Amino acid sequence: MVFFIGAGPGAADLITVRGAELLRQADTIIYAGSLVSAELLAYAKPDCRIFNSAEMTLDEVIAAIVSSGGIVARLHTGDPSLYGAIREQMDRLTELGINYEVCPGVSAFSGAAAALKAEYTLPNVSQSVVITRMAGRTSVPERESVRSFAAHGATMVIFLSAGMTEALQSELIGGGYGADTPAAIVYKATWSDQKIVRCTVGTLHSSAVENGIGNHALITVGGFLGGDYELSKLYDPAFTTAFRKGTET
């Protein structure tokens, strides 16, 4: 049995209770060593086989699973459904008749919001969150370009693009964000060496350069980082809900 497990955004204690228990039970752990905290390997049994998938190809990962038997924990960073490359692994396991399940995790975009002490969906500011990345060595469909998403003015969380901030800045402005739109670079959210750089879209590239950030960072953009928003109706004394009668007539 194979379990694809979300390790969480960085800090070892942000893995789910279920994920931690599966690591304790695992006979083999294959973890994404480039992004997953090695502290999570402390959950492993003394005789557990451990592989670092950062050094492996897809074929080698599958071969390690096939040769393992027992319970295999495939440990991915954040939540495996986002940029986890798990579909290709699951399809191979299906072809081989190997059962698997997915244990979700806390995504890095949630970790970044926590680090920023921010809410992505503020009333009358933004009610949508666009999670995307810049095209690089791996392409992005043209209809999903950063420029096209920027035209919506929604909250944006941009993965895998910290090394392309100059081009990213140009795409954001070209798509419609004003240069003064608030932005923030969150380096290694929730890790012990976490770093937050607050800036604007117009100073995004210079801020990344000045702070030496070129990888392992999320970039967040939008008015949610500003100070203007409306209060939620949820707690408005005049607003009636299914659980509370409001004062509104």
Protein backbone atom coordinates (compact mmCIF):
# COMPACT_ATOMS: atom_id res chain seq x y z
CA MET A 1 0.00 0.00 0.00
CA VAL A 2 1.30 3.43 -0.95
CA PHE A 3 0.33 6.65 0.78
CA PHE A 4 1.02 10.00 -0.88
CA ILE A 5 1.43 12.32 2.10
CA GLY A 6 1.51 16.09 2.27
CA ALA A 7 4.38 17.10 4.56
CA GLY A 8 3.06 20.61 5.08
CA PRO A 9 4.69 23.93 4.22
CA GLY A 10 7.96 23.49 6.09
CA ALA A 11 7.85 23.26 9.86
CA ALA A 12 7.91 19.60 10.86
CA ASP A 13 5.02 19.96 13.30
CA LEU A 14 2.68 21.21 10.56
CA ILE A 15 2.23 17.74 9.08
CA THR A 16 -1.25 16.37 9.76
CA VAL A 17 -1.86 13.89 12.58
CA ARG A 18 -2.79 11.28 9.97
CA GLY A 19 0.35 11.99 7.96
CA ALA A 20 2.57 11.59 11.02
CA GLU A 21 0.92 8.29 11.95
CA LEU A 22 1.42 6.94 8.43
CA LEU A 23 5.13 7.84 8.63
CA ARG A 24 5.36 5.88 11.90
CA GLN A 25 3.82 2.84 10.23
CA ALA A 26 5.80 3.02 6.99
CA ASP A 27 8.24 0.29 5.99
CA THR A 28 9.63 2.63 3.31
CA ILE A 29 9.68 6.42 3.10
CA ILE A 30 10.41 8.17 -0.19
CA TYR A 31 10.63 11.89 0.53
CA ALA A 32 11.18 14.97 -1.60
CA GLY A 33 14.47 15.94 0.00
CA SER A 34 14.83 19.25 -1.81
CA LEU A 35 11.84 20.73 0.02
CA VAL A 36 10.70 18.41 2.81
CA SER A 37 12.22 18.90 6.26
CA ALA A 38 14.50 16.02 7.23
CA GLU A 39 13.11 16.39 10.76
CA LEU A 40 10.06 14.45 9.59
CA LEU A 41 12.25 11.37 9.18
CA ALA A 42 12.35 11.18 12.98
CA TYR A 43 8.91 9.52 12.73
CA ALA A 44 10.44 6.57 10.85
CA LYS A 45 10.83 3.13 12.40
CA PRO A 46 14.44 2.04 13.05
CA ASP A 47 14.34 -0.46 10.19
CA CYS A 48 12.50 1.80 7.73
CA ARG A 49 14.05 2.15 4.27
CA ILE A 50 14.49 5.81 3.30
CA PHE A 51 14.99 7.26 -0.17
CA ASN A 52 15.50 10.88 -1.23
CA SER A 53 13.48 11.38 -4.43
CA ALA A 54 15.36 14.60 -5.24
CA GLU A 55 18.10 12.31 -6.54
CA MET A 56 15.75 9.93 -8.38
CA THR A 57 13.88 9.69 -11.68
CA LEU A 58 10.24 8.63 -11.97
CA ASP A 59 11.30 5.12 -12.99
CA GLU A 60 13.60 4.89 -9.96
CA VAL A 61 10.83 6.05 -7.62
CA ILE A 62 8.44 3.43 -8.98
CA ALA A 63 11.13 0.74 -8.80
CA ALA A 64 11.76 1.61 -5.14
CA ILE A 65 8.04 1.30 -4.42
CA VAL A 66 7.73 -2.02 -6.23
CA SER A 67 10.74 -3.51 -4.43
CA SER A 68 9.61 -2.31 -1.01
CA GLY A 69 6.41 -4.14 -0.18
CA GLY A 70 4.60 -3.31 3.03
CA ILE A 71 3.56 0.29 3.62
CA VAL A 72 5.24 2.96 1.50
CA ALA A 73 5.01 6.63 2.47
CA ARG A 74 5.59 8.93 -0.51
CA LEU A 75 6.23 12.22 1.25
CA HIS A 76 5.68 15.39 -0.77
CA THR A 77 6.05 19.02 0.25
CA GLY A 78 2.98 21.10 1.12
CA ASP A 79 -0.14 19.46 -0.25
CA PRO A 80 0.67 16.88 -2.93
CA SER A 81 -2.17 18.08 -5.18
CA LEU A 82 -0.31 21.31 -5.96
CA TYR A 83 2.80 20.97 -8.14
CA GLY A 84 3.41 17.56 -6.61
CA ALA A 85 3.76 15.57 -9.87
CA ILE A 86 1.73 12.80 -8.25
CA ARG A 87 -0.64 12.03 -11.13
CA GLU A 88 2.11 10.36 -13.15
CA GLN A 89 3.08 8.28 -10.14
CA MET A 90 -0.49 7.25 -9.39
CA ASP A 91 -1.10 6.25 -13.00
CA ARG A 92 1.98 4.03 -12.95
CA LEU A 93 0.82 2.40 -9.71
CA THR A 94 -2.63 1.80 -11.20
CA GLU A 95 -1.03 0.09 -14.19
CA LEU A 96 0.95 -2.12 -11.81
CA GLY A 97 -2.08 -2.96 -9.68
CA ILE A 98 -0.63 -1.28 -6.58
CA ASN A 99 -3.13 0.36 -4.24
CA TYR A 100 -2.61 3.91 -3.06
CA GLU A 101 -4.30 6.69 -1.12
CA VAL A 102 -3.62 10.42 -0.72
CA CYS A 103 -3.25 12.12 2.65
CA PRO A 104 -3.63 15.89 2.17
CA GLY A 105 -1.30 18.43 3.72
CA VAL A 106 -1.11 22.12 4.54
CA SER A 107 -0.04 23.91 1.37
CA ALA A 108 2.76 26.44 1.28
CA PHE A 109 0.25 29.07 0.19
CA SER A 110 -1.54 28.57 3.51
CA GLY A 111 1.80 28.73 5.31
CA ALA A 112 2.63 31.98 3.54
CA ALA A 113 -0.68 33.57 4.59
CA ALA A 114 -0.02 32.52 8.18
CA ALA A 115 3.48 34.00 8.04
CA LEU A 116 2.07 37.25 6.67
CA LYS A 117 -0.77 37.24 9.22
CA ALA A 118 -3.02 37.87 6.25
CA GLU A 119 -6.38 36.79 4.83
CA TYR A 120 -6.44 36.23 1.07
CA THR A 121 -10.20 36.77 0.72
CA LEU A 122 -11.18 40.15 2.14
CA PRO A 123 -14.68 41.55 1.56
CA ASN A 124 -14.78 44.10 -1.26
CA VAL A 125 -11.07 43.51 -1.98
CA SER A 126 -10.77 40.00 -3.38
CA GLN A 127 -12.89 36.87 -3.12
CA SER A 128 -10.73 34.76 -5.41
CA VAL A 129 -7.22 33.35 -5.12
CA VAL A 130 -5.22 32.54 -8.25
CA ILE A 131 -2.50 29.95 -7.62
CA THR A 132 -0.10 29.85 -10.54
CA ARG A 133 3.52 30.06 -11.66
CA MET A 134 5.64 31.61 -14.36
CA ALA A 135 6.57 29.61 -17.43
CA GLY A 136 10.17 28.48 -17.21
CA ARG A 137 11.88 25.23 -18.19
CA THR A 138 8.41 23.75 -17.84
CA SER A 139 5.79 25.52 -19.94
CA VAL A 140 2.45 26.97 -18.84
CA PRO A 141 -0.63 26.97 -21.12
CA GLU A 142 -0.87 30.38 -22.82
CA ARG A 143 -4.41 30.85 -21.54
CA GLU A 144 -2.99 30.60 -18.00
CA SER A 145 -0.23 33.16 -18.30
CA VAL A 146 0.47 35.39 -15.31
CA ARG A 147 -0.39 38.35 -17.50
CA SER A 148 -3.85 37.00 -18.28
CA PHE A 149 -4.59 36.23 -14.62
CA ALA A 150 -3.32 39.66 -13.54
CA ALA A 151 -6.12 41.25 -15.55
CA HIS A 152 -8.62 40.01 -12.94
CA GLY A 153 -7.01 41.96 -10.11
CA ALA A 154 -7.62 39.03 -7.74
CA THR A 155 -5.26 37.81 -5.05
CA MET A 156 -2.38 35.92 -6.64
CA VAL A 157 -0.03 33.39 -5.07
CA ILE A 158 2.83 32.57 -7.40
CA PHE A 159 4.85 29.40 -6.95
CA LEU A 160 8.16 28.37 -8.49
CA SER A 161 8.97 31.83 -9.80
CA ALA A 162 11.30 33.47 -7.26
CA GLY A 163 14.18 33.20 -9.72
CA MET A 164 12.26 35.09 -12.41
CA THR A 165 11.12 38.19 -10.55
CA GLU A 166 12.14 40.65 -13.26
CA ALA A 167 9.98 38.92 -15.88
CA LEU A 168 7.25 38.31 -13.30
CA GLN A 169 7.11 42.00 -12.39
CA SER A 170 6.74 42.89 -16.06
CA GLU A 171 3.95 40.35 -16.56
CA LEU A 172 2.03 41.54 -13.50
CA ILE A 173 2.16 45.18 -14.56
CA GLY A 174 1.47 44.32 -18.19
CA GLY A 175 -1.61 42.39 -17.10
CA GLY A 176 -3.11 45.27 -15.16
CA TYR A 177 -1.73 45.46 -11.63
CA GLY A 178 -0.59 48.96 -10.73
CA ALA A 179 3.07 49.33 -9.77
CA ASP A 180 1.92 50.39 -6.29
CA THR A 181 -0.08 47.18 -5.71
CA PRO A 182 1.09 45.55 -2.46
CA ALA A 183 3.18 42.41 -2.78
CA ALA A 184 5.20 40.17 -0.50
CA ILE A 185 7.91 37.58 -0.97
CA VAL A 186 7.78 34.77 1.60
CA TYR A 187 10.97 32.74 1.70
CA LYS A 188 10.64 29.24 3.22
CA ALA A 189 7.31 29.90 4.94
CA THR A 190 7.09 28.33 8.43
CA TRP A 191 10.73 27.12 8.39
CA SER A 192 13.09 28.32 11.12
CA ASP A 193 14.88 30.54 8.57
CA GLN A 194 11.66 32.02 7.18
CA LYS A 195 12.01 35.50 5.72
CA ILE A 196 9.31 37.96 4.69
CA VAL A 197 9.96 40.82 2.30
CA ARG A 198 7.09 43.26 1.85
CA CYS A 199 7.19 45.36 -1.30
CA THR A 200 5.04 46.44 -4.22
CA VAL A 201 4.63 45.01 -7.69
CA GLY A 202 6.86 47.81 -8.95
CA THR A 203 9.67 46.97 -6.50
CA LEU A 204 9.29 43.18 -6.62
CA HIS A 205 12.46 42.44 -8.57
CA SER A 206 14.70 44.89 -6.74
CA SER A 207 13.41 43.63 -3.38
CA ALA A 208 14.20 40.03 -4.30
CA VAL A 209 17.70 40.97 -5.46
CA GLU A 210 18.44 43.12 -2.42
CA ASN A 211 17.43 40.29 -0.09
CA GLY A 212 19.21 37.55 -2.03
CA ILE A 213 16.06 35.55 -2.69
CA GLY A 214 16.14 33.39 -5.80
CA ASN A 215 14.35 30.19 -4.83
CA HIS A 216 12.24 28.48 -2.14
CA ALA A 217 9.88 31.45 -1.98
CA LEU A 218 6.25 32.23 -2.74
CA ILE A 219 5.24 35.60 -4.13
CA THR A 220 1.89 37.03 -3.09
CA VAL A 221 0.21 39.95 -4.81
CA GLY A 222 -2.96 41.92 -4.20
CA GLY A 223 -4.95 44.40 -2.17
CA PHE A 224 -5.36 41.87 0.62
CA LEU A 225 -1.92 43.04 1.80
CA GLY A 226 -3.22 46.59 2.17
CA GLY A 227 -5.28 48.15 4.94
CA ASP A 228 -8.61 48.86 3.23
CA TYR A 229 -11.43 46.32 3.37
CA GLU A 230 -15.03 45.91 4.53
CA LEU A 231 -16.04 44.01 7.63
CA SER A 232 -17.58 40.58 7.07
CA LYS A 233 -21.36 40.30 7.16
CA LEU A 234 -20.95 37.09 9.13
CA TYR A 235 -20.55 38.90 12.44
CA ASP A 236 -22.59 42.01 11.61
CA PRO A 237 -25.31 42.33 14.30
CA ALA A 238 -27.77 43.45 11.61
CA PHE A 239 -27.18 40.39 9.43
CA THR A 240 -29.43 37.34 9.85
CA THR A 241 -27.89 33.89 9.50
CA ALA A 242 -29.22 30.36 9.93
CA PHE A 243 -28.01 30.49 13.53
CA ARG A 244 -28.68 34.06 14.62
CA LYS A 245 -31.46 36.62 14.12
CA GLY A 246 -30.11 39.98 13.05
CA THR A 247 -31.44 43.41 13.98
CA GLU A 248 -32.04 44.30 10.35
CA THR A 249 -35.73 44.90 9.57
